[in-house]
Amino acid sequence: MKMTGTIRSTEGWTGHGAGLTAGEAREHAIADVPAGYELVDTMTESAKPGEPVTMRSSARSIETRAIAADGADYAGALRGLRDAVPDGWQLQAVTLESA
């Protein structure tokens, strides 16, 4: 039985920004998100009266790859597929190939 899967990199990125308003700080915090990453979260780090607002942004890699494994049955193929996932990657989707 053959099974294929899609894996995604678990690599992340963190950026920071500051501004006079929360909106301005957010714009600066997400402005440098690198190509190949998608924004996941923005969080206020500091918002004290009379001081600039600071924010942190988090992004994750959108890089994906295909992997495949064979097994005598469904459980064996799934085990082989999970074993084929390298460190720093996670299994996102599984497809059972028809015989």
Protein backbone atom coordinates (compact mmCIF):
# COMPACT_ATOMS: atom_id res chain seq x y z
CA MET A 1 0.00 0.00 0.00
CA LYS A 2 1.42 3.40 -1.00
CA MET A 3 0.79 6.61 0.90
CA THR A 4 1.89 10.14 0.04
CA GLY A 5 2.01 13.15 2.29
CA THR A 6 2.69 16.85 2.33
CA ILE A 7 5.13 18.19 4.91
CA ARG A 8 5.71 21.81 5.95
CA SER A 9 8.79 23.37 7.48
CA THR A 10 8.41 24.34 11.13
CA GLU A 11 10.86 27.23 10.72
CA GLY A 12 9.61 30.48 12.18
CA TRP A 13 10.46 34.17 12.09
CA THR A 14 9.95 36.97 14.64
CA GLY A 15 9.94 40.71 13.94
CA HIS A 16 9.45 43.84 16.02
CA GLY A 17 8.03 47.29 15.36
CA ALA A 18 7.27 50.54 17.14
CA GLY A 19 5.05 53.51 16.47
CA LEU A 20 3.00 56.26 18.05
CA THR A 21 -0.19 54.20 17.64
CA ALA A 22 -0.93 50.48 17.75
CA GLY A 23 -1.75 50.53 14.02
CA GLU A 24 1.56 52.17 13.14
CA ALA A 25 3.49 49.75 15.37
CA ARG A 26 1.73 46.78 13.73
CA GLU A 27 2.62 48.05 10.24
CA HIS A 28 6.28 48.24 11.24
CA ALA A 29 6.18 44.84 12.96
CA ILE A 30 4.86 43.06 9.86
CA ALA A 31 6.71 45.08 7.20
CA ASP A 32 9.76 42.83 7.17
CA VAL A 33 8.04 39.42 7.03
CA PRO A 34 10.33 37.57 4.60
CA ALA A 35 9.16 36.04 1.33
CA GLY A 36 8.16 32.42 1.88
CA TYR A 37 6.57 33.13 5.26
CA GLU A 38 3.02 33.92 6.33
CA LEU A 39 2.04 36.13 9.25
CA VAL A 40 0.66 34.12 12.15
CA ASP A 41 0.38 36.60 15.02
CA THR A 42 1.05 40.12 16.23
CA MET A 43 1.24 40.93 19.92
CA THR A 44 1.62 44.18 21.82
CA GLU A 45 4.79 44.18 23.91
CA SER A 46 4.49 47.65 25.45
CA ALA A 47 1.79 50.34 25.38
CA LYS A 48 2.52 52.79 28.17
CA PRO A 49 1.03 56.29 28.05
CA GLY A 50 3.46 58.82 26.55
CA GLU A 51 5.74 56.12 25.11
CA PRO A 52 5.83 54.49 21.66
CA VAL A 53 3.76 51.33 21.26
CA THR A 54 5.93 48.27 20.54
CA MET A 55 4.72 45.08 18.89
CA ARG A 56 6.12 41.67 18.01
CA SER A 57 5.10 39.71 14.93
CA SER A 58 5.46 35.99 14.28
CA ALA A 59 5.46 34.24 10.92
CA ARG A 60 5.86 30.64 9.78
CA SER A 61 7.40 29.14 6.71
CA ILE A 62 5.07 28.18 3.87
CA GLU A 63 7.64 25.82 2.31
CA THR A 64 6.13 22.40 1.62
CA ARG A 65 7.42 19.14 0.15
CA ALA A 66 5.91 15.85 -0.92
CA ILE A 67 6.99 12.54 0.63
CA ALA A 68 5.90 8.94 0.08
CA ALA A 69 6.06 5.59 1.85
CA ASP A 70 4.98 2.00 1.27
CA GLY A 71 3.64 -0.48 3.79
CA ALA A 72 1.96 -3.87 3.91
CA ASP A 73 -1.23 -2.24 5.23
CA TYR A 74 -2.60 1.20 6.14
CA ALA A 75 -0.92 1.27 9.57
CA GLY A 76 2.43 0.21 8.10
CA ALA A 77 2.29 2.80 5.32
CA LEU A 78 1.34 5.55 7.79
CA ARG A 79 4.16 4.53 10.14
CA GLY A 80 6.60 4.64 7.21
CA LEU A 81 5.31 8.06 6.17
CA ARG A 82 5.66 9.45 9.69
CA ASP A 83 9.17 8.01 9.93
CA ALA A 84 10.07 9.79 6.65
CA VAL A 85 9.33 13.25 8.09
CA PRO A 86 12.71 14.93 8.75
CA ASP A 87 13.48 17.02 11.86
CA GLY A 88 12.19 20.57 11.47
CA TRP A 89 9.18 19.48 9.39
CA GLN A 90 5.64 18.37 10.20
CA LEU A 91 3.17 16.21 8.35
CA GLN A 92 0.25 18.30 7.04
CA ALA A 93 -1.79 15.99 4.80
CA VAL A 94 -1.93 12.30 3.92
CA THR A 95 -3.28 10.66 0.76
CA LEU A 96 -3.75 6.94 0.25
CA GLU A 97 -2.80 5.99 -3.30
CA SER A 98 -5.24 3.65 -5.02
CA ALA A 99 -3.87 0.24 -5.98
